[in-house]
Amino acid sequence: LIANNTAAQYGGALYVENGTAQLTNAHLHNNDAGAAGGALFLSNGEASIGDDPVACANAALPQNTYCSELRGNSAATGGALYTDQASRLSVENTALIANISPLGSAVAATGNGDILEITNSLLALNAGKALYANADIFLDLVHSTLAANEWAIDIDDNGAGASFSNNIIWNNDFGVESEVPLGGDCSFSQNGIGGDMVDPLFTTTPRGPYRLQPASPAIDACAAGVSHDLDGAPRPQGVQYDSGAFESPPALTLL
């Protein structure tokens, strides 16, 4: 746990330049940076953020709480995470919740050559543009749910590239704006950019919101996917993989 720290300029919790960082089962909460990277500032380096299911089981935690979590961080750019100078950031099995920044409240990638990989993650309730890129980056966004953010995604550099599949972007104040084609295989997007403009039918379970109702079109929507969901449940539960960060159990059949 790294919480309640302040930096005048960069990296409220962590500052990594010309190096590497690996965060496992880490909670970075309520950190602030005056300029960029409320939780992590990454420059010309590599960082990975994720969980260890052996050491921490998401499903055993209180509602809407996760083993790997960045919550309540803030900065002028990159409220939680900020990258530049051809950095590589991998975020997997992680929740980014209620972070604050007008530009990239969850993640801001601003360096030409940055690689941003987000897999099996939840970006929710972030103020400002949750995922923001304004440089020639490569974005790999897979099996993630972006919900209840002020603005889900803004990619405003047409030199960027993207691999984009199995995602749900719904119930944000504004959805997606991108100068680069996103594709969006078996994805759902509230304004039709990066996915089908079809309601995924969210529901709230004892584990938290943004799960899927039994009638959701996002259930069994994907032919391929990752091995487990953000709660640690095996994928797939049905005949195919569900879109988004959470896999739904198969419906009960009464004989």
C-alpha atoms as a PDB file:
ATOM      1  CA  LEU A   1       0.000   0.000   0.000  1.00  0.00           C
ATOM      2  CA  ILE A   2       1.348   3.417  -1.061  1.00  0.00           C
ATOM      3  CA  ALA A   3      -1.106   6.107  -0.061  1.00  0.00           C
ATOM      4  CA  ASN A   4      -1.604   9.809   0.649  1.00  0.00           C
ATOM      5  CA  ASN A   5       1.697  11.050  -0.790  1.00  0.00           C
ATOM      6  CA  THR A   6       2.283  14.304  -2.672  1.00  0.00           C
ATOM      7  CA  ALA A   7       4.836  15.419  -5.268  1.00  0.00           C
ATOM      8  CA  ALA A   8       5.153  19.010  -6.385  1.00  0.00           C
ATOM      9  CA  GLN A   9       5.652  17.928 -10.004  1.00  0.00           C
ATOM     10  CA  TYR A  10       5.942  14.256 -11.008  1.00  0.00           C
ATOM     11  CA  GLY A  11       5.146  10.868  -9.487  1.00  0.00           C
ATOM     12  CA  GLY A  12       3.044  11.328  -6.386  1.00  0.00           C
ATOM     13  CA  ALA A  13       3.706   7.737  -5.267  1.00  0.00           C
ATOM     14  CA  LEU A  14       6.412   6.443  -7.630  1.00  0.00           C
ATOM     15  CA  TYR A  15       8.829   8.047 -10.102  1.00  0.00           C
ATOM     16  CA  VAL A  16      10.603   5.698 -12.549  1.00  0.00           C
ATOM     17  CA  GLU A  17      13.056   7.018 -15.145  1.00  0.00           C
ATOM     18  CA  ASN A  18      15.430   4.921 -17.278  1.00  0.00           C
ATOM     19  CA  GLY A  19      14.494   1.843 -15.277  1.00  0.00           C
ATOM     20  CA  THR A  20      11.875  -0.769 -14.532  1.00  0.00           C
ATOM     21  CA  ALA A  21       9.171  -1.343 -11.924  1.00  0.00           C
ATOM     22  CA  GLN A  22       6.951  -4.305 -11.129  1.00  0.00           C
ATOM     23  CA  LEU A  23       3.925  -3.859  -8.875  1.00  0.00           C
ATOM     24  CA  THR A  24       2.056  -6.970  -7.712  1.00  0.00           C
ATOM     25  CA  ASN A  25      -1.019  -6.918  -5.465  1.00  0.00           C
ATOM     26  CA  ALA A  26      -0.333  -3.220  -4.867  1.00  0.00           C
ATOM     27  CA  HIS A  27      -2.771  -0.556  -3.765  1.00  0.00           C
ATOM     28  CA  LEU A  28      -1.848   3.013  -4.761  1.00  0.00           C
ATOM     29  CA  HIS A  29      -4.454   5.291  -3.193  1.00  0.00           C
ATOM     30  CA  ASN A  30      -4.997   9.043  -2.913  1.00  0.00           C
ATOM     31  CA  ASN A  31      -1.579  10.127  -4.162  1.00  0.00           C
ATOM     32  CA  ASP A  32      -1.177  13.482  -5.929  1.00  0.00           C
ATOM     33  CA  ALA A  33       1.301  15.048  -8.337  1.00  0.00           C
ATOM     34  CA  GLY A  34       1.205  18.683  -9.342  1.00  0.00           C
ATOM     35  CA  ALA A  35       2.122  18.014 -12.973  1.00  0.00           C
ATOM     36  CA  ALA A  36       1.904  14.337 -14.000  1.00  0.00           C
ATOM     37  CA  GLY A  37       1.575  10.815 -12.689  1.00  0.00           C
ATOM     38  CA  GLY A  38      -0.400  10.944  -9.467  1.00  0.00           C
ATOM     39  CA  ALA A  39       0.422   7.309  -8.674  1.00  0.00           C
ATOM     40  CA  LEU A  40       3.202   6.514 -11.172  1.00  0.00           C
ATOM     41  CA  PHE A  41       5.344   8.654 -13.468  1.00  0.00           C
ATOM     42  CA  LEU A  42       7.164   6.493 -16.037  1.00  0.00           C
ATOM     43  CA  SER A  43       9.758   7.986 -18.393  1.00  0.00           C
ATOM     44  CA  ASN A  44      11.924   5.955 -20.783  1.00  0.00           C
ATOM     45  CA  GLY A  45      11.246   2.848 -18.738  1.00  0.00           C
ATOM     46  CA  GLU A  46       9.084  -0.229 -18.302  1.00  0.00           C
ATOM     47  CA  ALA A  47       6.504  -0.998 -15.646  1.00  0.00           C
ATOM     48  CA  SER A  48       4.009  -3.770 -15.022  1.00  0.00           C
ATOM     49  CA  ILE A  49       1.044  -3.692 -12.673  1.00  0.00           C
ATOM     50  CA  GLY A  50      -1.032  -6.749 -11.815  1.00  0.00           C
ATOM     51  CA  ASP A  51      -2.122  -9.342  -9.305  1.00  0.00           C
ATOM     52  CA  ASP A  52      -0.843 -12.618  -7.931  1.00  0.00           C
ATOM     53  CA  PRO A  53      -3.902 -14.882  -7.547  1.00  0.00           C
ATOM     54  CA  VAL A  54      -1.990 -17.241  -5.258  1.00  0.00           C
ATOM     55  CA  ALA A  55      -1.238 -14.505  -2.734  1.00  0.00           C
ATOM     56  CA  CYS A  56      -4.541 -12.615  -3.044  1.00  0.00           C
ATOM     57  CA  ALA A  57      -7.986 -13.734  -4.233  1.00  0.00           C
ATOM     58  CA  ASN A  58     -10.153 -10.929  -5.600  1.00  0.00           C
ATOM     59  CA  ALA A  59     -13.323 -12.881  -4.923  1.00  0.00           C
ATOM     60  CA  ALA A  60     -12.503 -12.985  -1.180  1.00  0.00           C
ATOM     61  CA  LEU A  61     -12.352  -9.173  -0.915  1.00  0.00           C
ATOM     62  CA  PRO A  62     -15.209  -6.761  -0.099  1.00  0.00           C
ATOM     63  CA  GLN A  63     -17.475  -5.541  -2.884  1.00  0.00           C
ATOM     64  CA  ASN A  64     -15.779  -3.528  -5.638  1.00  0.00           C
ATOM     65  CA  THR A  65     -12.300  -4.076  -4.142  1.00  0.00           C
ATOM     66  CA  TYR A  66      -9.422  -5.755  -5.973  1.00  0.00           C
ATOM     67  CA  CYS A  67      -5.981  -7.176  -5.292  1.00  0.00           C
ATOM     68  CA  SER A  68      -4.359  -4.732  -7.708  1.00  0.00           C
ATOM     69  CA  GLU A  69      -5.954  -1.323  -7.405  1.00  0.00           C
ATOM     70  CA  LEU A  70      -5.260   2.359  -8.130  1.00  0.00           C
ATOM     71  CA  ARG A  71      -7.903   4.557  -6.548  1.00  0.00           C
ATOM     72  CA  GLY A  72      -8.356   8.251  -5.833  1.00  0.00           C
ATOM     73  CA  ASN A  73      -5.052   9.474  -7.289  1.00  0.00           C
ATOM     74  CA  SER A  74      -4.815  12.864  -9.023  1.00  0.00           C
ATOM     75  CA  ALA A  75      -2.574  15.008 -11.237  1.00  0.00           C
ATOM     76  CA  ALA A  76      -2.836  17.644 -13.934  1.00  0.00           C
ATOM     77  CA  THR A  77      -2.070  14.885 -16.496  1.00  0.00           C
ATOM     78  CA  GLY A  78      -2.235  11.187 -15.763  1.00  0.00           C
ATOM     79  CA  GLY A  79      -4.204  11.106 -12.537  1.00  0.00           C
ATOM     80  CA  ALA A  80      -3.080   7.559 -11.776  1.00  0.00           C
ATOM     81  CA  LEU A  81      -0.542   6.576 -14.472  1.00  0.00           C
ATOM     82  CA  TYR A  82       1.593   8.662 -16.841  1.00  0.00           C
ATOM     83  CA  THR A  83       4.055   7.521 -19.511  1.00  0.00           C
ATOM     84  CA  ASP A  84       6.430   9.317 -21.865  1.00  0.00           C
ATOM     85  CA  GLN A  85       9.770   8.921 -23.678  1.00  0.00           C
ATOM     86  CA  ALA A  86       9.034   5.575 -25.381  1.00  0.00           C
ATOM     87  CA  SER A  87       7.994   3.793 -22.206  1.00  0.00           C
ATOM     88  CA  ARG A  88       6.175   0.479 -21.969  1.00  0.00           C
ATOM     89  CA  LEU A  89       3.397   0.074 -19.418  1.00  0.00           C
ATOM     90  CA  SER A  90       1.512  -3.177 -18.868  1.00  0.00           C
ATOM     91  CA  VAL A  91      -1.613  -3.116 -16.699  1.00  0.00           C
ATOM     92  CA  GLU A  92      -3.306  -6.470 -16.108  1.00  0.00           C
ATOM     93  CA  ASN A  93      -6.017  -7.678 -13.728  1.00  0.00           C
ATOM     94  CA  THR A  94      -6.195  -4.220 -12.143  1.00  0.00           C
ATOM     95  CA  ALA A  95      -8.930  -1.773 -11.146  1.00  0.00           C
ATOM     96  CA  LEU A  96      -8.417   1.962 -11.741  1.00  0.00           C
ATOM     97  CA  ILE A  97     -11.232   3.689  -9.875  1.00  0.00           C
ATOM     98  CA  ALA A  98     -12.120   7.315  -9.054  1.00  0.00           C
ATOM     99  CA  ASN A  99      -8.841   8.857 -10.186  1.00  0.00           C
ATOM    100  CA  ILE A 100      -8.825  12.524 -11.190  1.00  0.00           C
ATOM    101  CA  SER A 101      -7.276  14.415 -14.108  1.00  0.00           C
ATOM    102  CA  PRO A 102      -8.710  16.265 -17.107  1.00  0.00           C
ATOM    103  CA  LEU A 103      -6.211  14.396 -19.320  1.00  0.00           C
ATOM    104  CA  GLY A 104      -5.882  10.704 -18.527  1.00  0.00           C
ATOM    105  CA  SER A 105      -7.439  10.347 -15.106  1.00  0.00           C
ATOM    106  CA  ALA A 106      -6.646   6.607 -15.204  1.00  0.00           C
ATOM    107  CA  VAL A 107      -3.826   6.572 -17.795  1.00  0.00           C
ATOM    108  CA  ALA A 108      -2.122   9.227 -19.931  1.00  0.00           C
ATOM    109  CA  ALA A 109       0.391   8.170 -22.604  1.00  0.00           C
ATOM    110  CA  THR A 110       2.221  11.172 -24.071  1.00  0.00           C
ATOM    111  CA  GLY A 111       5.533   9.941 -25.482  1.00  0.00           C
ATOM    112  CA  ASN A 112       6.165   8.929 -29.081  1.00  0.00           C
ATOM    113  CA  GLY A 113       6.861   5.221 -29.069  1.00  0.00           C
ATOM    114  CA  ASP A 114       5.004   4.526 -25.809  1.00  0.00           C
ATOM    115  CA  ILE A 115       3.408   1.083 -25.613  1.00  0.00           C
ATOM    116  CA  LEU A 116       0.335   0.821 -23.402  1.00  0.00           C
ATOM    117  CA  GLU A 117      -1.083  -2.647 -22.703  1.00  0.00           C
ATOM    118  CA  ILE A 118      -4.270  -2.915 -20.636  1.00  0.00           C
ATOM    119  CA  THR A 119      -5.742  -6.379 -20.138  1.00  0.00           C
ATOM    120  CA  ASN A 120      -8.602  -7.726 -18.031  1.00  0.00           C
ATOM    121  CA  SER A 121      -8.955  -4.442 -16.151  1.00  0.00           C
ATOM    122  CA  LEU A 122     -11.690  -2.116 -14.905  1.00  0.00           C
ATOM    123  CA  LEU A 123     -11.585   1.664 -15.433  1.00  0.00           C
ATOM    124  CA  ALA A 124     -14.519   3.203 -13.590  1.00  0.00           C
ATOM    125  CA  LEU A 125     -15.679   6.442 -11.994  1.00  0.00           C
ATOM    126  CA  ASN A 126     -12.617   8.342 -13.186  1.00  0.00           C
ATOM    127  CA  ALA A 127     -13.041  12.122 -13.532  1.00  0.00           C
ATOM    128  CA  GLY A 128     -11.923  13.620 -16.861  1.00  0.00           C
ATOM    129  CA  LYS A 129     -10.676  11.567 -19.802  1.00  0.00           C
ATOM    130  CA  ALA A 130      -9.988   8.132 -18.307  1.00  0.00           C
ATOM    131  CA  LEU A 131      -7.619   6.900 -21.034  1.00  0.00           C
ATOM    132  CA  TYR A 132      -5.815   9.630 -22.966  1.00  0.00           C
ATOM    133  CA  ALA A 133      -3.077   9.583 -25.617  1.00  0.00           C
ATOM    134  CA  ASN A 134      -1.698  12.532 -27.563  1.00  0.00           C
ATOM    135  CA  ALA A 135       1.386  10.978 -29.162  1.00  0.00           C
ATOM    136  CA  ASP A 136       2.424   8.242 -31.571  1.00  0.00           C
ATOM    137  CA  ILE A 137       1.788   5.380 -29.159  1.00  0.00           C
ATOM    138  CA  PHE A 138       0.561   1.808 -29.485  1.00  0.00           C
ATOM    139  CA  LEU A 139      -2.479   0.859 -27.428  1.00  0.00           C
ATOM    140  CA  ASP A 140      -3.373  -2.781 -26.736  1.00  0.00           C
ATOM    141  CA  LEU A 141      -6.718  -2.851 -24.899  1.00  0.00           C
ATOM    142  CA  VAL A 142      -8.217  -6.300 -24.298  1.00  0.00           C
ATOM    143  CA  HIS A 143     -11.001  -7.738 -22.120  1.00  0.00           C
ATOM    144  CA  SER A 144     -11.473  -4.494 -20.204  1.00  0.00           C
ATOM    145  CA  THR A 145     -14.509  -2.592 -18.955  1.00  0.00           C
ATOM    146  CA  LEU A 146     -14.683   1.218 -19.018  1.00  0.00           C
ATOM    147  CA  ALA A 147     -17.807   2.451 -17.241  1.00  0.00           C
ATOM    148  CA  ALA A 148     -19.108   5.504 -15.380  1.00  0.00           C
ATOM    149  CA  ASN A 149     -16.139   7.670 -16.372  1.00  0.00           C
ATOM    150  CA  GLU A 150     -16.614  11.283 -17.465  1.00  0.00           C
ATOM    151  CA  TRP A 151     -14.933  10.421 -20.786  1.00  0.00           C
ATOM    152  CA  ALA A 152     -13.811   6.876 -21.557  1.00  0.00           C
ATOM    153  CA  ILE A 153     -11.105   7.174 -24.259  1.00  0.00           C
ATOM    154  CA  ASP A 154      -9.500  10.012 -26.223  1.00  0.00           C
ATOM    155  CA  ILE A 155      -6.718   9.240 -28.729  1.00  0.00           C
ATOM    156  CA  ASP A 156      -5.884  12.441 -30.574  1.00  0.00           C
ATOM    157  CA  ASP A 157      -2.806  11.442 -32.595  1.00  0.00           C
ATOM    158  CA  ASN A 158      -3.439   9.767 -35.950  1.00  0.00           C
ATOM    159  CA  GLY A 159       0.025   8.197 -35.899  1.00  0.00           C
ATOM    160  CA  ALA A 160      -0.981   5.951 -33.014  1.00  0.00           C
ATOM    161  CA  GLY A 161      -1.807   2.289 -33.485  1.00  0.00           C
ATOM    162  CA  ALA A 162      -4.213   0.038 -31.649  1.00  0.00           C
ATOM    163  CA  SER A 163      -5.180  -3.543 -30.969  1.00  0.00           C
ATOM    164  CA  PHE A 164      -8.643  -3.451 -29.488  1.00  0.00           C
ATOM    165  CA  SER A 165     -10.898  -6.399 -28.663  1.00  0.00           C
ATOM    166  CA  ASN A 166     -13.267  -7.973 -26.109  1.00  0.00           C
ATOM    167  CA  ASN A 167     -13.958  -4.621 -24.397  1.00  0.00           C
ATOM    168  CA  ILE A 168     -17.051  -2.924 -22.980  1.00  0.00           C
ATOM    169  CA  ILE A 169     -17.290   0.893 -22.989  1.00  0.00           C
ATOM    170  CA  TRP A 170     -20.685   1.858 -21.586  1.00  0.00           C
ATOM    171  CA  ASN A 171     -22.479   4.241 -19.211  1.00  0.00           C
ATOM    172  CA  ASN A 172     -19.763   6.881 -19.438  1.00  0.00           C
ATOM    173  CA  ASP A 173     -20.739  10.540 -19.779  1.00  0.00           C
ATOM    174  CA  PHE A 174     -18.927  10.398 -23.132  1.00  0.00           C
ATOM    175  CA  GLY A 175     -17.600   7.293 -24.859  1.00  0.00           C
ATOM    176  CA  VAL A 176     -14.738   7.129 -27.359  1.00  0.00           C
ATOM    177  CA  GLU A 177     -13.005   9.608 -29.620  1.00  0.00           C
ATOM    178  CA  SER A 178     -10.063   8.325 -31.646  1.00  0.00           C
ATOM    179  CA  GLU A 179      -8.058   9.488 -34.638  1.00  0.00           C
ATOM    180  CA  VAL A 180      -6.820   5.931 -35.152  1.00  0.00           C
ATOM    181  CA  PRO A 181      -9.133   3.028 -36.161  1.00  0.00           C
ATOM    182  CA  LEU A 182      -9.808   0.792 -33.173  1.00  0.00           C
ATOM    183  CA  GLY A 183     -11.340  -2.291 -34.780  1.00  0.00           C
ATOM    184  CA  GLY A 184     -13.307  -3.542 -31.805  1.00  0.00           C
ATOM    185  CA  ASP A 185     -13.775  -7.289 -32.322  1.00  0.00           C
ATOM    186  CA  CYS A 186     -16.574  -8.542 -29.986  1.00  0.00           C
ATOM    187  CA  SER A 187     -16.553  -5.185 -28.196  1.00  0.00           C
ATOM    188  CA  PHE A 188     -19.409  -2.908 -27.134  1.00  0.00           C
ATOM    189  CA  SER A 189     -19.123   0.881 -27.308  1.00  0.00           C
ATOM    190  CA  GLN A 190     -21.775   3.412 -26.344  1.00  0.00           C
ATOM    191  CA  ASN A 191     -21.090   5.673 -29.341  1.00  0.00           C
ATOM    192  CA  GLY A 192     -20.181   2.940 -31.809  1.00  0.00           C
ATOM    193  CA  ILE A 193     -16.444   3.711 -31.976  1.00  0.00           C
ATOM    194  CA  GLY A 194     -14.410   0.612 -31.150  1.00  0.00           C
ATOM    195  CA  GLY A 195     -17.410  -1.684 -30.823  1.00  0.00           C
ATOM    196  CA  ASP A 196     -21.093  -2.338 -31.422  1.00  0.00           C
ATOM    197  CA  MET A 197     -23.489   0.272 -30.065  1.00  0.00           C
ATOM    198  CA  VAL A 198     -25.529  -2.336 -28.198  1.00  0.00           C
ATOM    199  CA  ASP A 199     -26.333  -2.161 -24.480  1.00  0.00           C
ATOM    200  CA  PRO A 200     -24.295  -4.854 -22.652  1.00  0.00           C
ATOM    201  CA  LEU A 201     -26.880  -4.901 -19.829  1.00  0.00           C
ATOM    202  CA  PHE A 202     -24.833  -4.271 -16.704  1.00  0.00           C
ATOM    203  CA  THR A 203     -25.917  -5.500 -13.304  1.00  0.00           C
ATOM    204  CA  THR A 204     -24.500  -5.373  -9.768  1.00  0.00           C
ATOM    205  CA  THR A 205     -23.573  -8.583  -7.949  1.00  0.00           C
ATOM    206  CA  PRO A 206     -22.162  -9.158  -4.449  1.00  0.00           C
ATOM    207  CA  ARG A 207     -18.723  -8.566  -5.997  1.00  0.00           C
ATOM    208  CA  GLY A 208     -19.654  -5.207  -7.455  1.00  0.00           C
ATOM    209  CA  PRO A 209     -21.143  -3.328 -10.423  1.00  0.00           C
ATOM    210  CA  TYR A 210     -20.486  -3.633 -14.176  1.00  0.00           C
ATOM    211  CA  ARG A 211     -21.167  -7.387 -14.287  1.00  0.00           C
ATOM    212  CA  LEU A 212     -23.434  -8.827 -16.978  1.00  0.00           C
ATOM    213  CA  GLN A 213     -27.101  -9.764 -16.773  1.00  0.00           C
ATOM    214  CA  PRO A 214     -27.994 -13.281 -17.990  1.00  0.00           C
ATOM    215  CA  ALA A 215     -29.502 -11.809 -21.167  1.00  0.00           C
ATOM    216  CA  SER A 216     -26.455  -9.666 -21.971  1.00  0.00           C
ATOM    217  CA  PRO A 217     -25.301  -9.766 -25.612  1.00  0.00           C
ATOM    218  CA  ALA A 218     -21.724  -9.561 -24.279  1.00  0.00           C
ATOM    219  CA  ILE A 219     -21.967 -13.095 -22.868  1.00  0.00           C
ATOM    220  CA  ASP A 220     -20.258 -15.679 -25.103  1.00  0.00           C
ATOM    221  CA  ALA A 221     -19.483 -12.905 -27.601  1.00  0.00           C
ATOM    222  CA  CYS A 222     -15.776 -13.679 -28.145  1.00  0.00           C
ATOM    223  CA  ALA A 223     -14.119 -16.685 -29.769  1.00  0.00           C
ATOM    224  CA  ALA A 224     -10.828 -16.089 -27.925  1.00  0.00           C
ATOM    225  CA  GLY A 225      -9.835 -14.548 -24.632  1.00  0.00           C
ATOM    226  CA  VAL A 226      -7.683 -14.667 -21.512  1.00  0.00           C
ATOM    227  CA  SER A 227      -7.700 -17.526 -18.997  1.00  0.00           C
ATOM    228  CA  HIS A 228      -9.583 -15.822 -16.126  1.00  0.00           C
ATOM    229  CA  ASP A 229     -11.515 -12.649 -15.365  1.00  0.00           C
ATOM    230  CA  LEU A 230     -10.750  -9.775 -13.006  1.00  0.00           C
ATOM    231  CA  ASP A 231     -12.384 -11.637 -10.121  1.00  0.00           C
ATOM    232  CA  GLY A 232     -10.207 -14.685 -10.811  1.00  0.00           C
ATOM    233  CA  ALA A 233     -13.029 -16.799 -12.271  1.00  0.00           C
ATOM    234  CA  PRO A 234     -11.946 -19.138 -15.090  1.00  0.00           C
ATOM    235  CA  ARG A 235     -12.779 -18.139 -18.657  1.00  0.00           C
ATOM    236  CA  PRO A 236     -14.815 -19.149 -20.534  1.00  0.00           C
ATOM    237  CA  GLN A 237     -17.797 -20.081 -18.396  1.00  0.00           C
ATOM    238  CA  GLY A 238     -20.003 -20.720 -21.417  1.00  0.00           C
ATOM    239  CA  VAL A 239     -19.369 -21.854 -24.977  1.00  0.00           C
ATOM    240  CA  GLN A 240     -17.257 -18.730 -25.653  1.00  0.00           C
ATOM    241  CA  TYR A 241     -15.628 -15.861 -23.753  1.00  0.00           C
ATOM    242  CA  ASP A 242     -17.582 -12.872 -22.425  1.00  0.00           C
ATOM    243  CA  SER A 243     -16.626  -9.321 -23.364  1.00  0.00           C
ATOM    244  CA  GLY A 244     -15.297  -7.022 -20.675  1.00  0.00           C
ATOM    245  CA  ALA A 245     -13.412  -7.606 -17.450  1.00  0.00           C
ATOM    246  CA  PHE A 246     -15.943  -9.963 -15.857  1.00  0.00           C
ATOM    247  CA  GLU A 247     -17.067 -13.427 -16.927  1.00  0.00           C
ATOM    248  CA  SER A 248     -20.646 -14.457 -16.091  1.00  0.00           C
ATOM    249  CA  PRO A 249     -21.469 -17.903 -14.714  1.00  0.00           C
ATOM    250  CA  PRO A 250     -23.687 -19.995 -16.981  1.00  0.00           C
ATOM    251  CA  ALA A 251     -27.407 -19.708 -16.390  1.00  0.00           C
ATOM    252  CA  LEU A 252     -28.941 -22.423 -14.226  1.00  0.00           C
ATOM    253  CA  THR A 253     -31.061 -24.977 -16.029  1.00  0.00           C
ATOM    254  CA  LEU A 254     -33.869 -26.653 -14.108  1.00  0.00           C
ATOM    255  CA  LEU A 255     -34.488 -30.246 -15.153  1.00  0.00           C
END
